[in-house]
Amino acid sequence: MEALKEGLFIMVIGMGTVFIFLTIMVYAMNICSKILSYINKYFPEELPIEPKTKKEKTNNDAEIALAIACAIYEKERAKS
């Protein structure tokens, strides 16, 4: 019985330590987020400018024909 009490005591201490650590970590992350959003107002991150390219017109007639053929096949198969 004494070993069970000691085991429970050690378990409570370990879980309490993890809970306290995680609580501190969440608060620290929230504080860092607020600090970085404040800093980002004055020193914004530069976004790379991508050159605009002309959209290439693709010919997908074969894919459309295949889709139509599959639909016709399924319709014929459902009738019989």
C-alpha atoms as a PDB file:
ATOM      1  CA  MET A   1       0.000   0.000   0.000  1.00  0.00           C
ATOM      2  CA  GLU A   2       2.883   2.327   0.761  1.00  0.00           C
ATOM      3  CA  ALA A   3       4.320   1.813  -2.752  1.00  0.00           C
ATOM      4  CA  LEU A   4       0.971   2.792  -4.272  1.00  0.00           C
ATOM      5  CA  LYS A   5       0.931   6.053  -2.293  1.00  0.00           C
ATOM      6  CA  GLU A   6       4.482   6.833  -3.341  1.00  0.00           C
ATOM      7  CA  GLY A   7       3.660   6.081  -6.970  1.00  0.00           C
ATOM      8  CA  LEU A   8       0.609   8.362  -6.905  1.00  0.00           C
ATOM      9  CA  PHE A   9       2.641  11.101  -5.225  1.00  0.00           C
ATOM     10  CA  ILE A  10       5.343  10.901  -7.897  1.00  0.00           C
ATOM     11  CA  MET A  11       2.684  10.876 -10.630  1.00  0.00           C
ATOM     12  CA  VAL A  12       1.009  14.007  -9.238  1.00  0.00           C
ATOM     13  CA  ILE A  13       4.359  15.794  -8.951  1.00  0.00           C
ATOM     14  CA  GLY A  14       5.283  14.855 -12.543  1.00  0.00           C
ATOM     15  CA  MET A  15       1.927  15.838 -14.028  1.00  0.00           C
ATOM     16  CA  GLY A  16       1.927  19.091 -12.055  1.00  0.00           C
ATOM     17  CA  THR A  17       5.393  19.919 -13.348  1.00  0.00           C
ATOM     18  CA  VAL A  18       4.321  19.278 -16.948  1.00  0.00           C
ATOM     19  CA  PHE A  19       1.142  21.348 -16.468  1.00  0.00           C
ATOM     20  CA  ILE A  20       3.086  24.294 -15.032  1.00  0.00           C
ATOM     21  CA  PHE A  21       5.671  24.081 -17.833  1.00  0.00           C
ATOM     22  CA  LEU A  22       2.994  24.026 -20.539  1.00  0.00           C
ATOM     23  CA  THR A  23       1.147  26.951 -18.937  1.00  0.00           C
ATOM     24  CA  ILE A  24       4.335  29.023 -18.845  1.00  0.00           C
ATOM     25  CA  MET A  25       5.093  28.063 -22.449  1.00  0.00           C
ATOM     26  CA  VAL A  26       1.632  29.175 -23.667  1.00  0.00           C
ATOM     27  CA  TYR A  27       1.983  32.552 -21.931  1.00  0.00           C
ATOM     28  CA  ALA A  28       5.499  32.996 -23.323  1.00  0.00           C
ATOM     29  CA  MET A  29       4.290  32.228 -26.855  1.00  0.00           C
ATOM     30  CA  ASN A  30       1.439  34.745 -26.513  1.00  0.00           C
ATOM     31  CA  ILE A  31       3.840  37.421 -25.282  1.00  0.00           C
ATOM     32  CA  CYS A  32       6.250  36.695 -28.171  1.00  0.00           C
ATOM     33  CA  SER A  33       3.369  36.928 -30.644  1.00  0.00           C
ATOM     34  CA  LYS A  34       2.348  40.335 -29.318  1.00  0.00           C
ATOM     35  CA  ILE A  35       5.928  41.596 -29.349  1.00  0.00           C
ATOM     36  CA  LEU A  36       6.499  40.409 -32.921  1.00  0.00           C
ATOM     37  CA  SER A  37       3.238  41.918 -34.183  1.00  0.00           C
ATOM     38  CA  TYR A  38       4.273  45.246 -32.604  1.00  0.00           C
ATOM     39  CA  ILE A  39       7.725  45.049 -34.217  1.00  0.00           C
ATOM     40  CA  ASN A  40       6.186  44.069 -37.575  1.00  0.00           C
ATOM     41  CA  LYS A  41       4.305  47.388 -37.682  1.00  0.00           C
ATOM     42  CA  TYR A  42       7.578  49.307 -37.813  1.00  0.00           C
ATOM     43  CA  PHE A  43       9.736  46.789 -39.690  1.00  0.00           C
ATOM     44  CA  PRO A  44       7.417  44.944 -42.091  1.00  0.00           C
ATOM     45  CA  GLU A  45       8.686  41.957 -43.966  1.00  0.00           C
ATOM     46  CA  GLU A  46       9.499  42.664 -47.595  1.00  0.00           C
ATOM     47  CA  LEU A  47       7.498  40.573 -50.020  1.00  0.00           C
ATOM     48  CA  PRO A  48       9.210  39.435 -53.212  1.00  0.00           C
ATOM     49  CA  ILE A  49       7.704  40.919 -56.346  1.00  0.00           C
ATOM     50  CA  GLU A  50       6.907  38.244 -58.873  1.00  0.00           C
ATOM     51  CA  PRO A  51       6.956  39.261 -62.525  1.00  0.00           C
ATOM     52  CA  LYS A  52       3.637  38.784 -64.234  1.00  0.00           C
ATOM     53  CA  THR A  53       3.708  36.208 -66.973  1.00  0.00           C
ATOM     54  CA  LYS A  54       1.244  35.644 -69.741  1.00  0.00           C
ATOM     55  CA  LYS A  55      -1.062  32.755 -69.116  1.00  0.00           C
ATOM     56  CA  GLU A  56      -0.440  30.042 -71.616  1.00  0.00           C
ATOM     57  CA  LYS A  57      -3.572  28.797 -73.238  1.00  0.00           C
ATOM     58  CA  THR A  58      -3.724  25.054 -72.837  1.00  0.00           C
ATOM     59  CA  ASN A  59      -5.522  22.748 -75.163  1.00  0.00           C
ATOM     60  CA  ASN A  60      -7.469  20.244 -73.091  1.00  0.00           C
ATOM     61  CA  ASP A  61      -9.817  18.996 -75.794  1.00  0.00           C
ATOM     62  CA  ALA A  62      -8.587  15.427 -75.309  1.00  0.00           C
ATOM     63  CA  GLU A  63      -9.485  15.510 -71.607  1.00  0.00           C
ATOM     64  CA  ILE A  64     -12.947  16.900 -72.375  1.00  0.00           C
ATOM     65  CA  ALA A  65     -13.536  14.207 -74.995  1.00  0.00           C
ATOM     66  CA  LEU A  66     -12.449  11.520 -72.534  1.00  0.00           C
ATOM     67  CA  ALA A  67     -14.818  12.849 -69.876  1.00  0.00           C
ATOM     68  CA  ILE A  68     -17.719  12.856 -72.359  1.00  0.00           C
ATOM     69  CA  ALA A  69     -16.891   9.315 -73.467  1.00  0.00           C
ATOM     70  CA  CYS A  70     -16.795   8.109 -69.853  1.00  0.00           C
ATOM     71  CA  ALA A  71     -20.143   9.744 -69.113  1.00  0.00           C
ATOM     72  CA  ILE A  72     -21.748   8.131 -72.181  1.00  0.00           C
ATOM     73  CA  TYR A  73     -20.279   4.737 -71.226  1.00  0.00           C
ATOM     74  CA  GLU A  74     -21.638   4.985 -67.670  1.00  0.00           C
ATOM     75  CA  LYS A  75     -25.068   6.020 -68.973  1.00  0.00           C
ATOM     76  CA  GLU A  76     -25.176   3.059 -71.372  1.00  0.00           C
ATOM     77  CA  ARG A  77     -23.994   0.696 -68.654  1.00  0.00           C
ATOM     78  CA  ALA A  78     -26.685   1.929 -66.252  1.00  0.00           C
ATOM     79  CA  LYS A  79     -29.433   1.242 -68.814  1.00  0.00           C
ATOM     80  CA  SER A  80     -28.568  -2.420 -69.208  1.00  0.00           C
END
